[in-house]
Amino acid sequence: MTTPFDDPQAGLAWLFLQCTCRDGDLDEGFALLSEDFTYWSNVTGDTLDKAASRALLERRQQIVEIDLDLLGCINEGENVAVEAYGTGVVDGAEMTCAFAFFFETRDGLIVALREYGDSRLAAQIFPPDMVAPAGPAGATMCVSYKH
């Protein structure tokens, strides 16, 4: 996979995201993560380690595979912020959602990722054990279903 970025940290972040999408290579993506990698999402409210992050992502892919379109990227030193628009199909209905991803990198690897998405949509799509009990208040972003 190639990235549209000249900055190595931004390229690393976007490559990881692409590896988690439809037709992505999870092994390639997880090779970009440090051993002490942590993942946090407003949908779960939990901080997960590398192994738990992979397990959660593999479960998500069984329910919905998404494609991400880049909307914007800002990086400062070892930190990268990516705004992306996701699309996927759940039970025959197209799902769309805006995402914000915040990466911390060190020594050419991703050490932390914080993801913000639509917690209400996630609660509709995923089983209860994959989302926070009621979803954080005010965590929604633009979302639509197309039947």
Protein backbone atom coordinates (compact mmCIF):
# COMPACT_ATOMS: atom_id res chain seq x y z
CA MET A 1 0.00 0.00 0.00
CA THR A 2 1.11 3.55 -0.62
CA THR A 3 0.17 6.69 1.24
CA PRO A 4 -0.39 10.24 0.02
CA PHE A 5 1.91 11.68 2.67
CA ASP A 6 5.45 12.95 2.56
CA ASP A 7 5.78 12.90 6.35
CA PRO A 8 6.79 9.48 7.69
CA GLN A 9 4.58 9.68 10.81
CA ALA A 10 1.51 10.70 8.80
CA GLY A 11 2.23 7.94 6.30
CA LEU A 12 2.56 5.43 9.12
CA ALA A 13 -0.79 6.48 10.59
CA TRP A 14 -2.65 6.34 7.27
CA LEU A 15 -1.07 3.00 6.34
CA PHE A 16 -2.23 1.51 9.64
CA LEU A 17 -5.79 2.75 9.05
CA GLN A 18 -5.82 1.33 5.52
CA CYS A 19 -4.64 -2.04 6.86
CA THR A 20 -7.69 -2.13 9.15
CA CYS A 21 -10.13 -1.50 6.29
CA ARG A 22 -11.81 -3.80 3.78
CA ASP A 23 -9.13 -5.81 1.94
CA GLY A 24 -6.48 -4.56 4.37
CA ASP A 25 -3.74 -6.74 5.85
CA LEU A 26 -4.04 -6.84 9.64
CA ASP A 27 -0.66 -8.51 10.02
CA GLU A 28 0.96 -5.66 8.09
CA GLY A 29 -0.95 -3.10 10.14
CA PHE A 30 -0.11 -4.59 13.51
CA ALA A 31 3.57 -4.80 12.55
CA LEU A 32 3.47 -0.97 12.59
CA LEU A 33 2.59 -0.93 16.31
CA SER A 34 4.98 -0.92 19.25
CA GLU A 35 4.77 -3.76 21.76
CA ASP A 36 3.44 -1.31 24.37
CA PHE A 37 0.78 0.08 21.97
CA THR A 38 -2.49 1.29 23.51
CA TYR A 39 -5.84 1.99 21.86
CA TRP A 40 -8.69 4.04 23.28
CA SER A 41 -12.08 4.74 21.70
CA ASN A 42 -14.96 6.91 22.82
CA VAL A 43 -17.23 4.02 21.79
CA THR A 44 -15.88 1.63 24.42
CA GLY A 45 -14.34 4.08 26.86
CA ASP A 46 -11.65 1.46 27.51
CA THR A 47 -7.90 1.53 26.93
CA LEU A 48 -6.77 -1.70 25.26
CA ASP A 49 -3.34 -3.20 24.71
CA LYS A 50 -2.10 -4.47 21.35
CA ALA A 51 -3.56 -7.99 21.65
CA ALA A 52 -6.96 -6.81 22.87
CA SER A 53 -7.05 -4.16 20.13
CA ARG A 54 -6.49 -6.80 17.48
CA ALA A 55 -9.20 -9.04 18.94
CA LEU A 56 -11.67 -6.14 18.96
CA LEU A 57 -10.79 -5.18 15.39
CA GLU A 58 -11.19 -8.77 14.18
CA ARG A 59 -14.66 -8.89 15.78
CA ARG A 60 -15.58 -5.56 14.18
CA GLN A 61 -14.56 -6.88 10.77
CA GLN A 62 -16.93 -9.84 11.18
CA ILE A 63 -19.80 -7.38 11.60
CA VAL A 64 -18.81 -4.58 9.22
CA GLU A 65 -15.84 -3.91 6.99
CA ILE A 66 -15.30 -0.24 6.32
CA ASP A 67 -13.52 1.89 3.78
CA LEU A 68 -12.00 5.18 4.87
CA ASP A 69 -11.63 8.30 2.75
CA LEU A 70 -9.12 10.84 3.97
CA LEU A 71 -10.60 14.25 4.79
CA GLY A 72 -7.56 15.79 6.45
CA CYS A 73 -4.31 15.16 8.26
CA ILE A 74 -2.27 17.33 10.60
CA ASN A 75 0.97 16.27 12.14
CA GLU A 76 3.34 17.86 14.59
CA GLY A 77 6.50 15.98 15.36
CA GLU A 78 5.59 12.50 16.55
CA ASN A 79 1.83 13.23 16.75
CA VAL A 80 -0.64 12.81 13.89
CA ALA A 81 -4.35 13.70 13.65
CA VAL A 82 -6.38 12.13 10.84
CA GLU A 83 -9.95 13.01 9.91
CA ALA A 84 -11.62 10.37 7.75
CA TYR A 85 -15.04 9.49 6.39
CA GLY A 86 -16.00 5.83 6.73
CA THR A 87 -18.48 3.79 4.73
CA GLY A 88 -19.59 0.20 5.20
CA VAL A 89 -22.57 -2.10 4.82
CA VAL A 90 -24.43 -3.57 7.79
CA ASP A 91 -27.37 -5.92 7.19
CA GLY A 92 -27.73 -4.60 3.64
CA ALA A 93 -27.82 -0.95 4.68
CA GLU A 94 -25.00 1.46 3.89
CA MET A 95 -23.50 3.09 6.97
CA THR A 96 -21.50 6.32 6.96
CA CYS A 97 -19.59 7.92 9.79
CA ALA A 98 -17.00 10.62 10.38
CA PHE A 99 -13.94 9.58 12.40
CA ALA A 100 -11.10 11.41 14.10
CA PHE A 101 -7.93 9.46 14.88
CA PHE A 102 -5.07 10.73 17.05
CA PHE A 103 -1.79 8.85 16.80
CA GLU A 104 1.34 9.03 18.91
CA THR A 105 4.48 7.58 17.30
CA ARG A 106 7.96 6.84 18.54
CA ASP A 107 10.99 5.39 16.76
CA GLY A 108 9.00 4.70 13.59
CA LEU A 109 6.18 2.81 15.33
CA ILE A 110 2.70 3.74 16.53
CA VAL A 111 2.60 3.72 20.34
CA ALA A 112 -0.95 5.00 20.93
CA LEU A 113 -4.18 5.59 19.04
CA ARG A 114 -7.29 7.42 20.21
CA GLU A 115 -10.36 7.05 17.99
CA TYR A 116 -13.50 9.17 18.05
CA GLY A 117 -16.60 8.10 16.14
CA ASP A 118 -20.36 7.94 16.49
CA SER A 119 -21.12 6.06 19.72
CA ARG A 120 -24.86 5.94 19.03
CA LEU A 121 -24.34 4.35 15.64
CA ALA A 122 -21.88 1.88 17.17
CA ALA A 123 -24.50 0.92 19.78
CA GLN A 124 -26.94 0.13 16.93
CA ILE A 125 -24.42 -1.98 14.99
CA PHE A 126 -22.32 -3.82 17.58
CA PRO A 127 -23.24 -6.17 20.43
CA PRO A 128 -23.39 -4.60 23.90
CA ASP A 129 -20.03 -6.01 24.99
CA MET A 130 -18.31 -4.02 22.20
CA VAL A 131 -19.64 -0.60 23.24
CA ALA A 132 -19.92 1.46 26.40
CA PRO A 133 -23.21 0.79 28.22
CA ALA A 134 -24.99 3.93 27.02
CA GLY A 135 -22.31 5.50 24.84
CA PRO A 136 -20.71 8.74 25.95
CA ALA A 137 -23.16 11.63 25.81
CA GLY A 138 -22.47 14.06 23.02
CA ALA A 139 -20.11 11.70 21.21
CA THR A 140 -22.08 11.50 17.99
CA MET A 141 -20.74 12.75 14.70
CA CYS A 142 -22.46 12.99 11.31
CA VAL A 143 -24.06 9.68 10.37
CA SER A 144 -26.61 8.42 7.92
CA TYR A 145 -28.11 5.19 6.70
CA LYS A 146 -28.93 4.65 3.05
CA HIS A 147 -31.36 1.81 2.35
